[in-house]
PDB file of N, CA and C in Angstrom:
ATOM      1  N   MET A   1     -44.063 -31.304 -10.337  1.00  0.00           N
ATOM      2  CA  MET A   1     -44.520 -30.813  -9.054  1.00  0.00           C
ATOM      3  C   MET A   1     -44.370 -29.298  -9.016  1.00  0.00           C
ATOM      4  N   THR A   2     -45.118 -28.680  -8.176  1.00  0.00           N
ATOM      5  CA  THR A   2     -45.050 -27.232  -8.040  1.00  0.00           C
ATOM      6  C   THR A   2     -44.580 -26.893  -6.637  1.00  0.00           C
ATOM      7  N   GLY A   3     -43.588 -25.995  -6.551  1.00  0.00           N
ATOM      8  CA  GLY A   3     -43.033 -25.585  -5.268  1.00  0.00           C
ATOM      9  C   GLY A   3     -43.908 -24.557  -4.580  1.00  0.00           C
ATOM     10  N   SER A   4     -43.414 -23.977  -3.481  1.00  0.00           N
ATOM     11  CA  SER A   4     -44.190 -23.034  -2.686  1.00  0.00           C
ATOM     12  C   SER A   4     -44.432 -21.716  -3.424  1.00  0.00           C
ATOM     13  N   ARG A   5     -43.562 -21.321  -4.342  1.00  0.00           N
ATOM     14  CA  ARG A   5     -43.717 -20.058  -5.064  1.00  0.00           C
ATOM     15  C   ARG A   5     -44.236 -20.257  -6.481  1.00  0.00           C
ATOM     16  N   GLY A   6     -44.728 -21.421  -6.806  1.00  0.00           N
ATOM     17  CA  GLY A   6     -45.233 -21.692  -8.142  1.00  0.00           C
ATOM     18  C   GLY A   6     -44.161 -22.172  -9.098  1.00  0.00           C
ATOM     19  N   LEU A   7     -42.927 -22.374  -8.637  1.00  0.00           N
ATOM     20  CA  LEU A   7     -41.854 -22.880  -9.485  1.00  0.00           C
ATOM     21  C   LEU A   7     -41.943 -24.398  -9.580  1.00  0.00           C
ATOM     22  N   GLN A   8     -41.517 -24.935 -10.709  1.00  0.00           N
ATOM     23  CA  GLN A   8     -41.496 -26.380 -10.893  1.00  0.00           C
ATOM     24  C   GLN A   8     -40.350 -26.980 -10.086  1.00  0.00           C
ATOM     25  N   SER A   9     -40.547 -28.180  -9.590  1.00  0.00           N
ATOM     26  CA  SER A   9     -39.501 -28.879  -8.852  1.00  0.00           C
ATOM     27  C   SER A   9     -39.572 -30.361  -9.176  1.00  0.00           C
ATOM     28  N   GLU A  10     -38.498 -31.066  -8.838  1.00  0.00           N
ATOM     29  CA  GLU A  10     -38.459 -32.504  -9.057  1.00  0.00           C
ATOM     30  C   GLU A  10     -37.744 -33.162  -7.887  1.00  0.00           C
ATOM     31  N   PRO A  11     -38.160 -34.379  -7.536  1.00  0.00           N
ATOM     32  CA  PRO A  11     -37.472 -35.090  -6.453  1.00  0.00           C
ATOM     33  C   PRO A  11     -36.162 -35.706  -6.974  1.00  0.00           C
ATOM     34  N   THR A  12     -35.113 -35.611  -6.195  1.00  0.00           N
ATOM     35  CA  THR A  12     -33.819 -36.226  -6.520  1.00  0.00           C
ATOM     36  C   THR A  12     -33.330 -36.981  -5.293  1.00  0.00           C
ATOM     37  N   PRO A  13     -32.291 -37.804  -5.438  1.00  0.00           N
ATOM     38  CA  PRO A  13     -31.754 -38.510  -4.264  1.00  0.00           C
ATOM     39  C   PRO A  13     -31.275 -37.552  -3.167  1.00  0.00           C
ATOM     40  N   GLU A  14     -30.883 -36.316  -3.532  1.00  0.00           N
ATOM     41  CA  GLU A  14     -30.410 -35.341  -2.553  1.00  0.00           C
ATOM     42  C   GLU A  14     -31.552 -34.572  -1.904  1.00  0.00           C
ATOM     43  N   GLY A  15     -32.753 -34.676  -2.459  1.00  0.00           N
ATOM     44  CA  GLY A  15     -33.908 -33.945  -1.949  1.00  0.00           C
ATOM     45  C   GLY A  15     -34.627 -33.238  -3.076  1.00  0.00           C
ATOM     46  N   GLU A  16     -35.618 -32.433  -2.720  1.00  0.00           N
ATOM     47  CA  GLU A  16     -36.418 -31.711  -3.713  1.00  0.00           C
ATOM     48  C   GLU A  16     -35.570 -30.609  -4.343  1.00  0.00           C
ATOM     49  N   GLN A  17     -35.535 -30.550  -5.689  1.00  0.00           N
ATOM     50  CA  GLN A  17     -34.743 -29.569  -6.421  1.00  0.00           C
ATOM     51  C   GLN A  17     -35.683 -28.676  -7.237  1.00  0.00           C
ATOM     52  N   THR A  18     -35.493 -27.369  -7.130  1.00  0.00           N
ATOM     53  CA  THR A  18     -36.279 -26.410  -7.914  1.00  0.00           C
ATOM     54  C   THR A  18     -35.688 -26.317  -9.313  1.00  0.00           C
ATOM     55  N   LEU A  19     -36.556 -26.315 -10.311  1.00  0.00           N
ATOM     56  CA  LEU A  19     -36.122 -26.219 -11.696  1.00  0.00           C
ATOM     57  C   LEU A  19     -36.102 -24.763 -12.139  1.00  0.00           C
ATOM     58  N   VAL A  20     -35.139 -24.397 -12.975  1.00  0.00           N
ATOM     59  CA  VAL A  20     -35.038 -23.049 -13.519  1.00  0.00           C
ATOM     60  C   VAL A  20     -36.139 -22.879 -14.563  1.00  0.00           C
ATOM     61  N   PRO A  21     -36.881 -21.780 -14.514  1.00  0.00           N
ATOM     62  CA  PRO A  21     -37.948 -21.575 -15.509  1.00  0.00           C
ATOM     63  C   PRO A  21     -37.386 -21.575 -16.937  1.00  0.00           C
ATOM     64  N   GLY A  22     -38.026 -22.313 -17.818  1.00  0.00           N
ATOM     65  CA  GLY A  22     -37.613 -22.371 -19.215  1.00  0.00           C
ATOM     66  C   GLY A  22     -36.553 -23.417 -19.504  1.00  0.00           C
ATOM     67  N   VAL A  23     -36.044 -24.109 -18.496  1.00  0.00           N
ATOM     68  CA  VAL A  23     -35.012 -25.128 -18.686  1.00  0.00           C
ATOM     69  C   VAL A  23     -35.604 -26.484 -18.316  1.00  0.00           C
ATOM     70  N   ALA A  24     -35.608 -27.394 -19.272  1.00  0.00           N
ATOM     71  CA  ALA A  24     -36.165 -28.724 -19.033  1.00  0.00           C
ATOM     72  C   ALA A  24     -35.149 -29.593 -18.290  1.00  0.00           C
ATOM     73  N   PRO A  25     -35.594 -30.443 -17.383  1.00  0.00           N
ATOM     74  CA  PRO A  25     -34.663 -31.338 -16.695  1.00  0.00           C
ATOM     75  C   PRO A  25     -34.090 -32.370 -17.675  1.00  0.00           C
ATOM     76  N   ILE A  26     -32.902 -32.858 -17.376  1.00  0.00           N
ATOM     77  CA  ILE A  26     -32.259 -33.862 -18.225  1.00  0.00           C
ATOM     78  C   ILE A  26     -32.929 -35.206 -17.988  1.00  0.00           C
ATOM     79  N   SER A  27     -33.348 -35.845 -19.076  1.00  0.00           N
ATOM     80  CA  SER A  27     -34.024 -37.136 -18.952  1.00  0.00           C
ATOM     81  C   SER A  27     -33.000 -38.262 -18.826  1.00  0.00           C
ATOM     82  N   GLN A  28     -33.470 -39.410 -18.389  1.00  0.00           N
ATOM     83  CA  GLN A  28     -32.604 -40.586 -18.264  1.00  0.00           C
ATOM     84  C   GLN A  28     -32.026 -40.958 -19.634  1.00  0.00           C
ATOM     85  N   ARG A  29     -32.827 -40.828 -20.681  1.00  0.00           N
ATOM     86  CA  ARG A  29     -32.359 -41.141 -22.037  1.00  0.00           C
ATOM     87  C   ARG A  29     -31.203 -40.226 -22.442  1.00  0.00           C
ATOM     88  N   GLU A  30     -31.323 -38.928 -22.147  1.00  0.00           N
ATOM     89  CA  GLU A  30     -30.257 -37.988 -22.479  1.00  0.00           C
ATOM     90  C   GLU A  30     -28.978 -38.297 -21.704  1.00  0.00           C
ATOM     91  N   ARG A  31     -29.108 -38.705 -20.448  1.00  0.00           N
ATOM     92  CA  ARG A  31     -27.931 -39.089 -19.649  1.00  0.00           C
ATOM     93  C   ARG A  31     -27.236 -40.309 -20.254  1.00  0.00           C
ATOM     94  N   LEU A  32     -28.030 -41.310 -20.654  1.00  0.00           N
ATOM     95  CA  LEU A  32     -27.461 -42.524 -21.239  1.00  0.00           C
ATOM     96  C   LEU A  32     -26.802 -42.235 -22.584  1.00  0.00           C
ATOM     97  N   GLU A  33     -27.416 -41.381 -23.399  1.00  0.00           N
ATOM     98  CA  GLU A  33     -26.824 -41.028 -24.693  1.00  0.00           C
ATOM     99  C   GLU A  33     -25.491 -40.302 -24.507  1.00  0.00           C
ATOM    100  N   ALA A  34     -25.416 -39.423 -23.529  1.00  0.00           N
ATOM    101  CA  ALA A  34     -24.165 -38.709 -23.261  1.00  0.00           C
ATOM    102  C   ALA A  34     -23.086 -39.679 -22.780  1.00  0.00           C
ATOM    103  N   GLU A  35     -23.471 -40.644 -21.961  1.00  0.00           N
ATOM    104  CA  GLU A  35     -22.512 -41.646 -21.483  1.00  0.00           C
ATOM    105  C   GLU A  35     -22.029 -42.543 -22.622  1.00  0.00           C
ATOM    106  N   MET A  36     -22.907 -42.854 -23.569  1.00  0.00           N
ATOM    107  CA  MET A  36     -22.518 -43.689 -24.704  1.00  0.00           C
ATOM    108  C   MET A  36     -21.552 -42.956 -25.631  1.00  0.00           C
ATOM    109  N   ARG A  37     -21.678 -41.631 -25.741  1.00  0.00           N
ATOM    110  CA  ARG A  37     -20.781 -40.850 -26.594  1.00  0.00           C
ATOM    111  C   ARG A  37     -19.417 -40.625 -25.953  1.00  0.00           C
ATOM    112  N   ALA A  38     -19.313 -40.785 -24.652  1.00  0.00           N
ATOM    113  CA  ALA A  38     -18.046 -40.543 -23.958  1.00  0.00           C
ATOM    114  C   ALA A  38     -17.032 -41.626 -24.331  1.00  0.00           C
ATOM    115  N   PRO A  39     -15.731 -41.296 -24.357  1.00  0.00           N
ATOM    116  CA  PRO A  39     -14.720 -42.306 -24.673  1.00  0.00           C
ATOM    117  C   PRO A  39     -14.681 -43.400 -23.600  1.00  0.00           C
ATOM    118  N   LEU A  40     -14.339 -44.599 -24.032  1.00  0.00           N
ATOM    119  CA  LEU A  40     -14.256 -45.719 -23.104  1.00  0.00           C
ATOM    120  C   LEU A  40     -13.099 -45.523 -22.131  1.00  0.00           C
ATOM    121  N   GLN A  41     -13.287 -45.944 -20.905  1.00  0.00           N
ATOM    122  CA  GLN A  41     -12.261 -45.870 -19.876  1.00  0.00           C
ATOM    123  C   GLN A  41     -11.879 -47.293 -19.475  1.00  0.00           C
ATOM    124  N   PRO A  42     -10.611 -47.535 -19.138  1.00  0.00           N
ATOM    125  CA  PRO A  42     -10.225 -48.877 -18.711  1.00  0.00           C
ATOM    126  C   PRO A  42     -10.893 -49.227 -17.383  1.00  0.00           C
ATOM    127  N   ARG A  43     -11.178 -50.506 -17.199  1.00  0.00           N
ATOM    128  CA  ARG A  43     -11.813 -50.953 -15.960  1.00  0.00           C
ATOM    129  C   ARG A  43     -10.816 -50.999 -14.811  1.00  0.00           C
ATOM    130  N   ARG A  44      -9.564 -51.267 -15.124  1.00  0.00           N
ATOM    131  CA  ARG A  44      -8.505 -51.314 -14.115  1.00  0.00           C
ATOM    132  C   ARG A  44      -7.362 -50.416 -14.546  1.00  0.00           C
ATOM    133  N   LEU A  45      -6.538 -50.005 -13.588  1.00  0.00           N
ATOM    134  CA  LEU A  45      -5.362 -49.219 -13.885  1.00  0.00           C
ATOM    135  C   LEU A  45      -4.411 -50.050 -14.749  1.00  0.00           C
ATOM    136  N   GLN A  46      -3.954 -49.470 -15.841  1.00  0.00           N
ATOM    137  CA  GLN A  46      -3.098 -50.197 -16.768  1.00  0.00           C
ATOM    138  C   GLN A  46      -1.651 -50.210 -16.279  1.00  0.00           C
ATOM    139  N   GLN A  47      -0.954 -51.308 -16.513  1.00  0.00           N
ATOM    140  CA  GLN A  47       0.441 -51.437 -16.153  1.00  0.00           C
ATOM    141  C   GLN A  47       1.299 -50.712 -17.199  1.00  0.00           C
ATOM    142  N   PRO A  48       2.379 -50.068 -16.764  1.00  0.00           N
ATOM    143  CA  PRO A  48       3.235 -49.393 -17.744  1.00  0.00           C
ATOM    144  C   PRO A  48       3.956 -50.402 -18.633  1.00  0.00           C
ATOM    145  N   MET A  49       4.240 -49.993 -19.855  1.00  0.00           N
ATOM    146  CA  MET A  49       4.940 -50.839 -20.810  1.00  0.00           C
ATOM    147  C   MET A  49       6.438 -50.658 -20.588  1.00  0.00           C
ATOM    148  N   THR A  50       7.052 -51.564 -19.839  1.00  0.00           N
ATOM    149  CA  THR A  50       8.468 -51.421 -19.487  1.00  0.00           C
ATOM    150  C   THR A  50       9.302 -52.571 -20.036  1.00  0.00           C
ATOM    151  N   ILE A  51       9.043 -52.951 -21.267  1.00  0.00           N
ATOM    152  CA  ILE A  51       9.851 -53.999 -21.899  1.00  0.00           C
ATOM    153  C   ILE A  51      10.255 -53.528 -23.292  1.00  0.00           C
ATOM    154  N   GLY A  52      11.337 -54.060 -23.779  1.00  0.00           N
ATOM    155  CA  GLY A  52      11.767 -53.791 -25.150  1.00  0.00           C
ATOM    156  C   GLY A  52      12.032 -52.327 -25.418  1.00  0.00           C
ATOM    157  N   LEU A  53      11.480 -51.818 -26.488  1.00  0.00           N
ATOM    158  CA  LEU A  53      11.687 -50.453 -26.940  1.00  0.00           C
ATOM    159  C   LEU A  53      11.222 -49.414 -25.924  1.00  0.00           C
ATOM    160  N   PHE A  54      10.218 -49.754 -25.116  1.00  0.00           N
ATOM    161  CA  PHE A  54       9.624 -48.799 -24.190  1.00  0.00           C
ATOM    162  C   PHE A  54      10.213 -48.893 -22.786  1.00  0.00           C
ATOM    163  N   ASP A  55      11.250 -49.669 -22.583  1.00  0.00           N
ATOM    164  CA  ASP A  55      11.843 -49.872 -21.270  1.00  0.00           C
ATOM    165  C   ASP A  55      12.753 -48.696 -20.915  1.00  0.00           C
ATOM    166  N   GLU A  56      12.205 -47.713 -20.186  1.00  0.00           N
ATOM    167  CA  GLU A  56      12.981 -46.537 -19.819  1.00  0.00           C
ATOM    168  C   GLU A  56      14.077 -46.863 -18.822  1.00  0.00           C
ATOM    169  N   ASN A  57      13.867 -47.828 -17.934  1.00  0.00           N
ATOM    170  CA  ASN A  57      14.907 -48.220 -16.989  1.00  0.00           C
ATOM    171  C   ASN A  57      16.085 -48.875 -17.716  1.00  0.00           C
ATOM    172  N   GLY A  58      15.797 -49.644 -18.746  1.00  0.00           N
ATOM    173  CA  GLY A  58      16.858 -50.274 -19.528  1.00  0.00           C
ATOM    174  C   GLY A  58      17.687 -49.255 -20.285  1.00  0.00           C
ATOM    175  N   ARG A  59      17.073 -48.176 -20.727  1.00  0.00           N
ATOM    176  CA  ARG A  59      17.805 -47.129 -21.443  1.00  0.00           C
ATOM    177  C   ARG A  59      18.753 -46.363 -20.529  1.00  0.00           C
ATOM    178  N   ARG A  60      18.504 -46.375 -19.233  1.00  0.00           N
ATOM    179  CA  ARG A  60      19.342 -45.645 -18.279  1.00  0.00           C
ATOM    180  C   ARG A  60      20.637 -46.404 -17.932  1.00  0.00           C
ATOM    181  N   GLN A  61      20.762 -47.634 -18.368  1.00  0.00           N
ATOM    182  CA  GLN A  61      21.937 -48.442 -18.043  1.00  0.00           C
ATOM    183  C   GLN A  61      23.069 -48.131 -19.048  1.00  0.00           C
ATOM    184  N   LEU A  62      23.635 -46.958 -18.920  1.00  0.00           N
ATOM    185  CA  LEU A  62      24.660 -46.520 -19.858  1.00  0.00           C
ATOM    186  C   LEU A  62      26.010 -47.189 -19.599  1.00  0.00           C
ATOM    187  N   HIS A  63      26.200 -47.793 -18.425  1.00  0.00           N
ATOM    188  CA  HIS A  63      27.474 -48.431 -18.134  1.00  0.00           C
ATOM    189  C   HIS A  63      27.718 -49.676 -18.987  1.00  0.00           C
ATOM    190  N   LEU A  64      26.707 -50.160 -19.688  1.00  0.00           N
ATOM    191  CA  LEU A  64      26.879 -51.335 -20.541  1.00  0.00           C
ATOM    192  C   LEU A  64      27.538 -50.978 -21.856  1.00  0.00           C
ATOM    193  N   PHE A  65      27.607 -49.711 -22.219  1.00  0.00           N
ATOM    194  CA  PHE A  65      28.145 -49.318 -23.527  1.00  0.00           C
ATOM    195  C   PHE A  65      29.484 -48.690 -23.422  1.00  0.00           C
TER     196      PHE A  65
END
């Protein structure tokens, strides 16, 4: 699309956005490729490992020794 001053623009969910001359908009494919390269994130908050060797509360019980 062409804006009021002859600049290129594209529709977005936030409204019409003017494009910078010489810079191509990011395609859906490029967005998906960038997301695929990103490290995986857990779906839920992970519980701390508080048993055995990693039990920091157990290490604080110095009165047992």
